[in-house]
C-alpha atoms as a PDB file:
ATOM      1  CA  MET A   1       3.826  -0.302  14.892  1.00  0.00           C
ATOM      2  CA  HIS A   2       7.372   0.771  14.093  1.00  0.00           C
ATOM      3  CA  PHE A   3      10.636  -1.152  14.179  1.00  0.00           C
ATOM      4  CA  ASN A   4      14.163   0.262  14.283  1.00  0.00           C
ATOM      5  CA  ILE A   5      16.524  -2.434  13.040  1.00  0.00           C
ATOM      6  CA  LEU A   6      20.240  -2.173  13.789  1.00  0.00           C
ATOM      7  CA  THR A   7      22.381  -4.383  11.578  1.00  0.00           C
ATOM      8  CA  ILE A   8      25.625  -4.507   9.635  1.00  0.00           C
ATOM      9  CA  PHE A   9      23.690  -5.996   6.699  1.00  0.00           C
ATOM     10  CA  PRO A  10      20.964  -3.441   5.880  1.00  0.00           C
ATOM     11  CA  GLU A  11      20.420  -5.088   2.487  1.00  0.00           C
ATOM     12  CA  MET A  12      18.741  -8.020   4.268  1.00  0.00           C
ATOM     13  CA  PHE A  13      15.638  -5.910   4.930  1.00  0.00           C
ATOM     14  CA  PRO A  14      12.791  -6.030   4.298  1.00  0.00           C
ATOM     15  CA  GLY A  15      13.650  -9.494   2.962  1.00  0.00           C
ATOM     16  CA  THR A  16      10.784 -11.906   3.582  1.00  0.00           C
ATOM     17  CA  LEU A  17       8.916  -9.119   5.372  1.00  0.00           C
ATOM     18  CA  GLY A  18       8.254  -7.500   2.018  1.00  0.00           C
ATOM     19  CA  GLY A  19       5.972 -10.320   0.847  1.00  0.00           C
ATOM     20  CA  GLY A  20       2.684 -11.940   1.856  1.00  0.00           C
ATOM     21  CA  VAL A  21       0.247 -10.485   4.358  1.00  0.00           C
ATOM     22  CA  VAL A  22       3.028  -8.766   6.322  1.00  0.00           C
ATOM     23  CA  GLY A  23       4.341  -7.129   3.148  1.00  0.00           C
ATOM     24  CA  ARG A  24       0.874  -5.904   2.244  1.00  0.00           C
ATOM     25  CA  ALA A  25       0.487  -4.525   5.765  1.00  0.00           C
ATOM     26  CA  LEU A  26       3.763  -2.661   5.251  1.00  0.00           C
ATOM     27  CA  GLU A  27       2.420  -1.125   2.036  1.00  0.00           C
ATOM     28  CA  ARG A  28      -0.779  -0.108   3.818  1.00  0.00           C
ATOM     29  CA  GLY A  29       1.156   1.611   6.608  1.00  0.00           C
ATOM     30  CA  ILE A  30       0.015  -0.728   9.379  1.00  0.00           C
ATOM     31  CA  TRP A  31       3.670  -1.074  10.333  1.00  0.00           C
ATOM     32  CA  SER A  32       6.911   0.602   9.316  1.00  0.00           C
ATOM     33  CA  TYR A  33      10.630   0.186   9.805  1.00  0.00           C
ATOM     34  CA  ASP A  34      13.939   2.001   9.639  1.00  0.00           C
ATOM     35  CA  VAL A  35      17.258   0.229   9.131  1.00  0.00           C
ATOM     36  CA  ILE A  36      20.274   1.649  10.920  1.00  0.00           C
ATOM     37  CA  ASN A  37      23.612   0.510   9.529  1.00  0.00           C
ATOM     38  CA  ILE A  38      25.862  -0.102  12.524  1.00  0.00           C
ATOM     39  CA  ARG A  39      28.933   0.388  10.338  1.00  0.00           C
ATOM     40  CA  ASP A  40      27.982   4.050   9.964  1.00  0.00           C
ATOM     41  CA  PHE A  41      29.169   4.397  13.577  1.00  0.00           C
ATOM     42  CA  ALA A  42      32.415   2.436  13.179  1.00  0.00           C
ATOM     43  CA  TYR A  43      35.350   3.537  15.300  1.00  0.00           C
ATOM     44  CA  ASN A  44      37.815   3.672  12.398  1.00  0.00           C
ATOM     45  CA  ASN A  45      37.918   4.304   8.661  1.00  0.00           C
ATOM     46  CA  TYR A  46      37.763   0.587   7.916  1.00  0.00           C
ATOM     47  CA  GLY A  47      34.191   0.277   9.179  1.00  0.00           C
ATOM     48  CA  SER A  48      35.198  -1.899  12.102  1.00  0.00           C
ATOM     49  CA  VAL A  49      32.513  -2.501  14.721  1.00  0.00           C
ATOM     50  CA  ASP A  50      34.077  -5.340  16.722  1.00  0.00           C
ATOM     51  CA  ASP A  51      37.213  -6.133  18.685  1.00  0.00           C
ATOM     52  CA  GLU A  52      38.959  -8.968  20.554  1.00  0.00           C
ATOM     53  CA  GLN A  53      37.543 -10.253  23.835  1.00  0.00           C
ATOM     54  CA  PHE A  54      39.059  -9.143  27.104  1.00  0.00           C
ATOM     55  CA  GLY A  55      40.308 -12.241  28.888  1.00  0.00           C
ATOM     56  CA  GLY A  56      41.053 -14.042  25.652  1.00  0.00           C
ATOM     57  CA  GLY A  57      38.950 -16.505  23.751  1.00  0.00           C
ATOM     58  CA  LYS A  58      37.870 -17.101  20.192  1.00  0.00           C
ATOM     59  CA  GLY A  59      35.450 -14.828  18.424  1.00  0.00           C
ATOM     60  CA  MET A  60      35.123 -11.064  18.177  1.00  0.00           C
ATOM     61  CA  VAL A  61      32.716  -8.915  20.189  1.00  0.00           C
ATOM     62  CA  MET A  62      30.740  -5.906  18.968  1.00  0.00           C
ATOM     63  CA  ARG A  63      32.029  -2.782  20.679  1.00  0.00           C
ATOM     64  CA  PRO A  64      29.915  -0.808  23.176  1.00  0.00           C
ATOM     65  CA  ASP A  65      31.007   2.595  21.869  1.00  0.00           C
ATOM     66  CA  VAL A  66      29.879   1.711  18.342  1.00  0.00           C
ATOM     67  CA  LEU A  67      26.560   0.181  19.409  1.00  0.00           C
ATOM     68  CA  GLY A  68      25.951   2.997  21.880  1.00  0.00           C
ATOM     69  CA  ALA A  69      26.396   5.622  19.171  1.00  0.00           C
ATOM     70  CA  ALA A  70      24.031   3.711  16.886  1.00  0.00           C
ATOM     71  CA  LEU A  71      21.380   3.443  19.589  1.00  0.00           C
ATOM     72  CA  ASP A  72      21.759   7.098  20.568  1.00  0.00           C
ATOM     73  CA  SER A  73      21.068   8.120  16.979  1.00  0.00           C
ATOM     74  CA  ILE A  74      17.505   6.795  17.260  1.00  0.00           C
ATOM     75  CA  GLU A  75      15.112   9.478  18.464  1.00  0.00           C
ATOM     76  CA  LYS A  76      12.427   7.052  19.633  1.00  0.00           C
ATOM     77  CA  ARG A  77      13.758   3.640  20.613  1.00  0.00           C
ATOM     78  CA  GLY A  78      10.935   2.091  22.610  1.00  0.00           C
ATOM     79  CA  ARG A  79      11.806  -1.367  23.936  1.00  0.00           C
ATOM     80  CA  VAL A  80      15.247  -2.500  22.795  1.00  0.00           C
ATOM     81  CA  ILE A  81      15.509  -6.204  21.976  1.00  0.00           C
ATOM     82  CA  TYR A  82      18.668  -8.197  21.322  1.00  0.00           C
ATOM     83  CA  PHE A  83      18.369 -11.679  19.834  1.00  0.00           C
ATOM     84  CA  SER A  84      20.485 -14.053  21.883  1.00  0.00           C
ATOM     85  CA  PRO A  85      20.418 -17.725  22.924  1.00  0.00           C
ATOM     86  CA  ARG A  86      20.640 -16.488  26.528  1.00  0.00           C
ATOM     87  CA  GLY A  87      17.173 -14.936  26.388  1.00  0.00           C
ATOM     88  CA  PRO A  88      13.803 -16.568  27.068  1.00  0.00           C
ATOM     89  CA  ARG A  89      12.393 -18.452  24.100  1.00  0.00           C
ATOM     90  CA  LEU A  90      10.034 -16.429  21.929  1.00  0.00           C
ATOM     91  CA  GLU A  91       6.621 -18.058  22.238  1.00  0.00           C
ATOM     92  CA  GLN A  92       3.143 -17.147  21.082  1.00  0.00           C
ATOM     93  CA  SER A  93       2.152 -15.692  24.452  1.00  0.00           C
ATOM     94  CA  ILE A  94       5.127 -13.301  24.306  1.00  0.00           C
ATOM     95  CA  VAL A  95       4.377 -12.381  20.701  1.00  0.00           C
ATOM     96  CA  ARG A  96       0.772 -11.681  21.670  1.00  0.00           C
ATOM     97  CA  ASP A  97       1.927  -9.253  24.362  1.00  0.00           C
ATOM     98  CA  PHE A  98       4.056  -7.309  21.859  1.00  0.00           C
ATOM     99  CA  ALA A  99       1.251  -7.252  19.287  1.00  0.00           C
ATOM    100  CA  ALA A 100      -1.214  -5.923  21.871  1.00  0.00           C
ATOM    101  CA  ALA A 101       0.369  -2.469  21.457  1.00  0.00           C
ATOM    102  CA  PRO A 102      -0.085  -1.756  17.720  1.00  0.00           C
ATOM    103  CA  ASP A 103       1.275   1.800  18.090  1.00  0.00           C
ATOM    104  CA  ALA A 104       4.434   0.698  19.885  1.00  0.00           C
ATOM    105  CA  THR A 105       8.024   1.178  18.726  1.00  0.00           C
ATOM    106  CA  TYR A 106      10.588  -1.607  19.091  1.00  0.00           C
ATOM    107  CA  THR A 107      14.306  -1.408  18.429  1.00  0.00           C
ATOM    108  CA  LEU A 108      15.824  -4.691  17.263  1.00  0.00           C
ATOM    109  CA  LEU A 109      19.559  -5.149  17.668  1.00  0.00           C
ATOM    110  CA  CYS A 110      20.968  -7.781  15.316  1.00  0.00           C
ATOM    111  CA  GLY A 111      24.215  -9.080  16.749  1.00  0.00           C
ATOM    112  CA  ARG A 112      27.051 -10.685  14.830  1.00  0.00           C
ATOM    113  CA  TYR A 113      30.342 -12.416  15.600  1.00  0.00           C
ATOM    114  CA  GLU A 114      30.520 -13.814  19.146  1.00  0.00           C
ATOM    115  CA  GLY A 115      27.985 -11.312  20.474  1.00  0.00           C
ATOM    116  CA  ILE A 116      27.794  -7.832  21.951  1.00  0.00           C
ATOM    117  CA  ASP A 117      29.520  -6.185  24.915  1.00  0.00           C
ATOM    118  CA  GLN A 118      27.581  -6.840  28.133  1.00  0.00           C
ATOM    119  CA  ARG A 119      27.720  -3.162  29.094  1.00  0.00           C
ATOM    120  CA  ILE A 120      25.403  -2.288  26.203  1.00  0.00           C
ATOM    121  CA  ILE A 121      22.781  -4.684  27.557  1.00  0.00           C
ATOM    122  CA  GLU A 122      23.035  -3.106  30.991  1.00  0.00           C
ATOM    123  CA  GLU A 123      23.220   0.523  29.841  1.00  0.00           C
ATOM    124  CA  TYR A 124      20.100   0.361  27.668  1.00  0.00           C
ATOM    125  CA  ASP A 125      18.168  -2.199  29.730  1.00  0.00           C
ATOM    126  CA  ILE A 126      18.019  -4.438  26.688  1.00  0.00           C
ATOM    127  CA  MET A 127      15.664  -7.412  26.586  1.00  0.00           C
ATOM    128  CA  GLU A 128      17.279 -10.587  25.286  1.00  0.00           C
ATOM    129  CA  LEU A 129      15.128 -12.995  23.266  1.00  0.00           C
ATOM    130  CA  SER A 130      15.855 -16.375  21.687  1.00  0.00           C
ATOM    131  CA  ILE A 131      13.927 -17.831  18.757  1.00  0.00           C
ATOM    132  CA  GLY A 132      15.108 -21.381  19.466  1.00  0.00           C
ATOM    133  CA  ASP A 133      17.816 -23.641  20.777  1.00  0.00           C
ATOM    134  CA  TYR A 134      20.220 -23.304  17.879  1.00  0.00           C
ATOM    135  CA  ILE A 135      22.821 -20.790  16.685  1.00  0.00           C
ATOM    136  CA  LEU A 136      22.434 -18.468  13.704  1.00  0.00           C
ATOM    137  CA  SER A 137      25.130 -16.437  11.962  1.00  0.00           C
ATOM    138  CA  GLY A 138      23.475 -13.236  13.153  1.00  0.00           C
ATOM    139  CA  GLY A 139      20.290 -11.686  14.454  1.00  0.00           C
ATOM    140  CA  GLU A 140      18.797 -10.596  11.123  1.00  0.00           C
ATOM    141  CA  ILE A 141      16.753 -13.757  10.561  1.00  0.00           C
ATOM    142  CA  ALA A 142      15.609 -13.644  14.177  1.00  0.00           C
ATOM    143  CA  ALA A 143      14.519 -10.033  13.719  1.00  0.00           C
ATOM    144  CA  GLN A 144      12.447 -11.010  10.690  1.00  0.00           C
ATOM    145  CA  VAL A 145      10.852 -13.840  12.676  1.00  0.00           C
ATOM    146  CA  PHE A 146       9.997 -11.400  15.454  1.00  0.00           C
ATOM    147  CA  VAL A 147       8.491  -8.800  13.134  1.00  0.00           C
ATOM    148  CA  ASP A 148       6.499 -11.346  11.114  1.00  0.00           C
ATOM    149  CA  SER A 149       5.067 -13.142  14.135  1.00  0.00           C
ATOM    150  CA  THR A 150       4.149  -9.857  15.818  1.00  0.00           C
ATOM    151  CA  VAL A 151       2.736  -7.903  12.880  1.00  0.00           C
ATOM    152  CA  ARG A 152       0.460 -10.711  11.700  1.00  0.00           C
ATOM    153  CA  LEU A 153      -1.433 -10.515  15.003  1.00  0.00           C
ATOM    154  CA  ILE A 154      -2.297  -6.849  14.531  1.00  0.00           C
ATOM    155  CA  ASP A 155      -5.924  -6.281  13.515  1.00  0.00           C
ATOM    156  CA  ASN A 156      -6.593  -6.201   9.762  1.00  0.00           C
ATOM    157  CA  VAL A 157      -3.270  -7.778   8.789  1.00  0.00           C
ATOM    158  CA  VAL A 158      -4.424 -11.371   8.255  1.00  0.00           C
ATOM    159  CA  GLY A 159      -7.612 -11.680   6.227  1.00  0.00           C
ATOM    160  CA  GLY A 160     -10.605 -12.758   8.279  1.00  0.00           C
ATOM    161  CA  GLY A 161      -9.699 -10.664  11.331  1.00  0.00           C
ATOM    162  CA  THR A 162      -8.858 -12.173  14.694  1.00  0.00           C
ATOM    163  CA  ASP A 163     -10.804 -15.356  13.866  1.00  0.00           C
ATOM    164  CA  ALA A 164      -8.204 -16.196  11.226  1.00  0.00           C
ATOM    165  CA  THR A 165      -5.454 -16.562  13.830  1.00  0.00           C
ATOM    166  CA  ALA A 166      -7.507 -17.793  16.794  1.00  0.00           C
ATOM    167  CA  ASN A 167      -7.443 -21.451  15.702  1.00  0.00           C
ATOM    168  CA  GLU A 168      -3.755 -21.721  14.890  1.00  0.00           C
ATOM    169  CA  SER A 169      -1.200 -23.842  16.706  1.00  0.00           C
ATOM    170  CA  PHE A 170      -0.296 -22.455  20.155  1.00  0.00           C
ATOM    171  CA  GLU A 171      -3.338 -20.171  20.126  1.00  0.00           C
ATOM    172  CA  ILE A 172      -5.558 -23.183  20.850  1.00  0.00           C
ATOM    173  CA  GLY A 173      -3.420 -24.508  23.698  1.00  0.00           C
ATOM    174  CA  GLY A 174      -1.731 -27.111  21.521  1.00  0.00           C
ATOM    175  CA  LEU A 175      -0.970 -28.029  17.925  1.00  0.00           C
ATOM    176  CA  GLU A 176      -3.428 -27.559  15.100  1.00  0.00           C
ATOM    177  CA  TRP A 177      -5.519 -30.439  13.765  1.00  0.00           C
ATOM    178  CA  PRO A 178      -5.014 -31.875  10.215  1.00  0.00           C
ATOM    179  CA  LEU A 179      -6.266 -29.643   7.406  1.00  0.00           C
ATOM    180  CA  TYR A 180      -7.967 -30.688   4.152  1.00  0.00           C
ATOM    181  CA  THR A 181      -9.325 -29.004   1.010  1.00  0.00           C
ATOM    182  CA  ARG A 182     -10.571 -30.005  -2.458  1.00  0.00           C
ATOM    183  CA  PRO A 183     -10.481 -32.509  -4.061  1.00  0.00           C
ATOM    184  CA  SER A 184     -12.110 -34.752  -1.464  1.00  0.00           C
ATOM    185  CA  ALA A 185     -10.366 -37.805  -2.967  1.00  0.00           C
ATOM    186  CA  TRP A 186      -6.740 -37.656  -4.091  1.00  0.00           C
ATOM    187  CA  ARG A 187      -4.411 -40.555  -4.969  1.00  0.00           C
ATOM    188  CA  GLY A 188      -6.552 -42.976  -3.004  1.00  0.00           C
ATOM    189  CA  ARG A 189      -6.602 -40.768   0.084  1.00  0.00           C
ATOM    190  CA  ASN A 190      -9.990 -39.449   1.192  1.00  0.00           C
ATOM    191  CA  VAL A 191     -10.940 -36.537   3.402  1.00  0.00           C
ATOM    192  CA  PRO A 192     -12.347 -37.831   6.743  1.00  0.00           C
ATOM    193  CA  GLU A 193     -16.102 -38.265   6.419  1.00  0.00           C
ATOM    194  CA  VAL A 194     -16.809 -36.150   9.488  1.00  0.00           C
ATOM    195  CA  LEU A 195     -15.482 -33.066   7.695  1.00  0.00           C
ATOM    196  CA  LEU A 196     -17.933 -33.632   4.852  1.00  0.00           C
ATOM    197  CA  SER A 197     -20.903 -34.240   7.144  1.00  0.00           C
ATOM    198  CA  GLY A 198     -21.863 -30.624   7.741  1.00  0.00           C
ATOM    199  CA  HIS A 199     -22.403 -31.461  11.433  1.00  0.00           C
ATOM    200  CA  HIS A 200     -20.501 -28.646  13.141  1.00  0.00           C
ATOM    201  CA  GLY A 201     -20.618 -30.214  16.593  1.00  0.00           C
ATOM    202  CA  ASN A 202     -19.052 -33.454  15.379  1.00  0.00           C
ATOM    203  CA  ILE A 203     -16.485 -31.538  13.366  1.00  0.00           C
ATOM    204  CA  GLU A 204     -15.422 -29.494  16.405  1.00  0.00           C
ATOM    205  CA  ARG A 205     -15.143 -32.637  18.544  1.00  0.00           C
ATOM    206  CA  TRP A 206     -13.062 -34.370  15.850  1.00  0.00           C
ATOM    207  CA  ARG A 207     -10.740 -31.383  15.563  1.00  0.00           C
ATOM    208  CA  LYS A 208     -10.307 -31.167  19.326  1.00  0.00           C
ATOM    209  CA  GLN A 209      -9.514 -34.900  19.524  1.00  0.00           C
ATOM    210  CA  GLN A 210      -6.999 -34.669  16.674  1.00  0.00           C
ATOM    211  CA  SER A 211      -5.347 -31.623  18.217  1.00  0.00           C
ATOM    212  CA  ASP A 212      -5.020 -33.342  21.589  1.00  0.00           C
ATOM    213  CA  GLU A 213      -3.560 -36.526  20.070  1.00  0.00           C
ATOM    214  CA  ILE A 214      -1.033 -34.699  17.883  1.00  0.00           C
ATOM    215  CA  THR A 215       0.029 -32.435  20.739  1.00  0.00           C
ATOM    216  CA  LYS A 216       0.438 -35.390  23.107  1.00  0.00           C
ATOM    217  CA  GLU A 217       2.564 -37.235  20.548  1.00  0.00           C
ATOM    218  CA  ARG A 218       4.720 -34.391  19.247  1.00  0.00           C
ATOM    219  CA  ARG A 219       4.777 -31.681  21.906  1.00  0.00           C
ATOM    220  CA  PRO A 220       3.806 -33.138  25.296  1.00  0.00           C
ATOM    221  CA  ASP A 221       5.465 -30.141  26.937  1.00  0.00           C
ATOM    222  CA  LEU A 222       2.569 -27.995  25.730  1.00  0.00           C
ATOM    223  CA  ILE A 223       0.123 -30.214  27.596  1.00  0.00           C
ATOM    224  CA  LYS A 224       2.072 -29.777  30.812  1.00  0.00           C
ATOM    225  CA  GLU A 225       1.934 -26.021  30.384  1.00  0.00           C
ATOM    226  CA  LYS A 226      -1.873 -25.934  30.149  1.00  0.00           C
END
């Protein structure tokens, strides 16, 4: 899987993507990336990539001629994605769809300022995606979230294969159950006896019950979506 990342802050990459299982997958060539500095396509000698809004209003907008030149410089763009609060929320089902094509190429456009010119979205049939109902300073963190969540679902990235991710929150239709490890007693708090019983049927029932209760309490919207 390959990612083209358009940004005015190329030094932000690979960032967190260079560590952990995703970083090791990068070293092993399971995925790759290129960073395109949008300022290389600035319309003047000052490296400017934005301008005032037509119609007035606060905040600058990234210019279509600059972004268009940056996008045109990419030989293989694949699906172009722009991180924006206007897009559908990135959820595990969407991530799973992207990860299902491990040889795919995705181009990630990291916006800044007030946003990007609408004509770019229309010209390149860009998909808008949101990572949550809040505002970030730019799309770079969102791009890292997208890459991390997608790459980790590719075979042989997370140790243990597909089983390692099958029982995580959202993959099981709700939130994950409580997790415990050694020591079995710590500061007066004991691991539930059922987990020490060795009875796999009872353990699975306990985990299912815990998952259902936590999901109902904290994310009832996930229950409605089942």
